[in-house]
């Protein structure tokens, strides 16, 4: 795991438990074949680093649903799906 990417992601998502859940869910999606929102730096880049870079670059954001009091991870771009 790249510590610079971790620090960049923590700067955007201050809650460590939320950051852990976001990375975990995104890595599962990447392992299932979903395309990354950022270009991998190498062919064998770790999926955790890809997920952290997506968060650090603002491609994934956490959005809290105030009505249901449950938050969710959503892409920063206009997508029609949520995690």
C-alpha atoms as a PDB file:
ATOM      1  CA  UNK A   1       0.000   0.000   0.000  1.00  0.00           C
ATOM      2  CA  UNK A   2       1.320   3.409  -0.980  1.00  0.00           C
ATOM      3  CA  UNK A   3       1.432   5.676   2.072  1.00  0.00           C
ATOM      4  CA  UNK A   4       1.242   8.846  -0.047  1.00  0.00           C
ATOM      5  CA  UNK A   5      -2.026   7.635  -1.560  1.00  0.00           C
ATOM      6  CA  UNK A   6      -3.310   6.735   1.894  1.00  0.00           C
ATOM      7  CA  UNK A   7      -2.547  10.228   3.200  1.00  0.00           C
ATOM      8  CA  UNK A   8      -4.208  11.779   0.136  1.00  0.00           C
ATOM      9  CA  UNK A   9      -7.332   9.693   0.661  1.00  0.00           C
ATOM     10  CA  UNK A  10      -7.378  10.512   4.385  1.00  0.00           C
ATOM     11  CA  UNK A  11      -7.244  14.199   3.506  1.00  0.00           C
ATOM     12  CA  UNK A  12     -10.527  13.795   1.594  1.00  0.00           C
ATOM     13  CA  UNK A  13     -12.240  11.283   3.918  1.00  0.00           C
ATOM     14  CA  UNK A  14     -11.393  12.180   7.498  1.00  0.00           C
ATOM     15  CA  UNK A  15     -13.242   9.268   9.110  1.00  0.00           C
ATOM     16  CA  UNK A  16     -10.940   6.242   9.059  1.00  0.00           C
ATOM     17  CA  UNK A  17     -13.800   3.672   9.400  1.00  0.00           C
ATOM     18  CA  UNK A  18     -15.590   5.224   6.412  1.00  0.00           C
ATOM     19  CA  UNK A  19     -12.358   5.267   4.402  1.00  0.00           C
ATOM     20  CA  UNK A  20     -11.754   1.586   5.201  1.00  0.00           C
ATOM     21  CA  UNK A  21     -15.287   0.688   4.084  1.00  0.00           C
ATOM     22  CA  UNK A  22     -14.952   2.720   0.891  1.00  0.00           C
ATOM     23  CA  UNK A  23     -11.654   1.087  -0.048  1.00  0.00           C
ATOM     24  CA  UNK A  24     -12.950  -2.385   0.815  1.00  0.00           C
ATOM     25  CA  UNK A  25     -16.091  -2.016  -1.288  1.00  0.00           C
ATOM     26  CA  UNK A  26     -14.190  -0.497  -4.199  1.00  0.00           C
ATOM     27  CA  UNK A  27     -11.531  -3.242  -4.179  1.00  0.00           C
ATOM     28  CA  UNK A  28     -14.306  -5.853  -4.301  1.00  0.00           C
ATOM     29  CA  UNK A  29     -15.800  -4.065  -7.310  1.00  0.00           C
ATOM     30  CA  UNK A  30     -12.434  -3.853  -9.051  1.00  0.00           C
ATOM     31  CA  UNK A  31     -11.830  -7.555  -8.405  1.00  0.00           C
ATOM     32  CA  UNK A  32     -15.234  -8.317  -9.964  1.00  0.00           C
ATOM     33  CA  UNK A  33     -14.103  -6.603 -13.158  1.00  0.00           C
ATOM     34  CA  UNK A  34     -15.344  -3.036 -12.840  1.00  0.00           C
ATOM     35  CA  UNK A  35     -13.172  -0.510 -14.593  1.00  0.00           C
ATOM     36  CA  UNK A  36     -11.114   1.886 -12.495  1.00  0.00           C
ATOM     37  CA  UNK A  37     -11.861   5.612 -12.646  1.00  0.00           C
ATOM     38  CA  UNK A  38      -8.135   6.336 -12.866  1.00  0.00           C
ATOM     39  CA  UNK A  39      -5.525   4.926 -15.198  1.00  0.00           C
ATOM     40  CA  UNK A  40      -3.409   2.288 -13.393  1.00  0.00           C
ATOM     41  CA  UNK A  41       0.227   3.324 -12.987  1.00  0.00           C
ATOM     42  CA  UNK A  42       1.303  -0.205 -13.956  1.00  0.00           C
ATOM     43  CA  UNK A  43      -0.301  -3.437 -15.103  1.00  0.00           C
ATOM     44  CA  UNK A  44       0.231  -5.061 -11.725  1.00  0.00           C
ATOM     45  CA  UNK A  45      -0.808  -2.093  -9.562  1.00  0.00           C
ATOM     46  CA  UNK A  46      -2.463  -3.230  -6.351  1.00  0.00           C
ATOM     47  CA  UNK A  47      -6.235  -2.730  -6.329  1.00  0.00           C
ATOM     48  CA  UNK A  48      -5.963  -1.051  -2.924  1.00  0.00           C
ATOM     49  CA  UNK A  49      -3.663   1.589  -4.414  1.00  0.00           C
ATOM     50  CA  UNK A  50      -6.086   2.102  -7.295  1.00  0.00           C
ATOM     51  CA  UNK A  51      -8.999   2.586  -4.883  1.00  0.00           C
ATOM     52  CA  UNK A  52      -6.974   4.967  -2.696  1.00  0.00           C
ATOM     53  CA  UNK A  53      -5.933   6.988  -5.749  1.00  0.00           C
ATOM     54  CA  UNK A  54      -9.557   7.203  -6.917  1.00  0.00           C
ATOM     55  CA  UNK A  55     -10.502   8.637  -3.527  1.00  0.00           C
ATOM     56  CA  UNK A  56      -7.458  10.919  -3.291  1.00  0.00           C
ATOM     57  CA  UNK A  57      -8.169  12.356  -6.753  1.00  0.00           C
ATOM     58  CA  UNK A  58     -11.830  12.926  -5.920  1.00  0.00           C
ATOM     59  CA  UNK A  59     -13.189  10.289  -8.302  1.00  0.00           C
ATOM     60  CA  UNK A  60     -15.078   8.624  -5.426  1.00  0.00           C
ATOM     61  CA  UNK A  61     -16.799  10.561  -2.682  1.00  0.00           C
ATOM     62  CA  UNK A  62     -18.797   9.679   0.409  1.00  0.00           C
ATOM     63  CA  UNK A  63     -22.317  11.033   0.493  1.00  0.00           C
ATOM     64  CA  UNK A  64     -24.459  10.785   3.595  1.00  0.00           C
ATOM     65  CA  UNK A  65     -28.152  10.152   3.155  1.00  0.00           C
ATOM     66  CA  UNK A  66     -29.725  12.350   5.808  1.00  0.00           C
ATOM     67  CA  UNK A  67     -33.227  10.914   5.371  1.00  0.00           C
ATOM     68  CA  UNK A  68     -32.290   7.269   5.880  1.00  0.00           C
ATOM     69  CA  UNK A  69     -29.299   8.141   8.096  1.00  0.00           C
ATOM     70  CA  UNK A  70     -27.176   5.751   6.055  1.00  0.00           C
ATOM     71  CA  UNK A  71     -24.332   7.040   3.944  1.00  0.00           C
ATOM     72  CA  UNK A  72     -22.999   5.557   0.777  1.00  0.00           C
ATOM     73  CA  UNK A  73     -20.061   5.743  -1.554  1.00  0.00           C
ATOM     74  CA  UNK A  74     -20.873   7.358  -4.867  1.00  0.00           C
ATOM     75  CA  UNK A  75     -18.774   8.184  -7.885  1.00  0.00           C
ATOM     76  CA  UNK A  76     -17.913  11.836  -8.228  1.00  0.00           C
ATOM     77  CA  UNK A  77     -18.974  11.713 -11.871  1.00  0.00           C
ATOM     78  CA  UNK A  78     -22.620  11.589 -12.868  1.00  0.00           C
ATOM     79  CA  UNK A  79     -23.282   7.861 -12.663  1.00  0.00           C
ATOM     80  CA  UNK A  80     -26.608   6.153 -12.170  1.00  0.00           C
ATOM     81  CA  UNK A  81     -25.420   3.615  -9.603  1.00  0.00           C
ATOM     82  CA  UNK A  82     -24.132   3.591  -6.030  1.00  0.00           C
ATOM     83  CA  UNK A  83     -22.115   1.152  -3.987  1.00  0.00           C
END
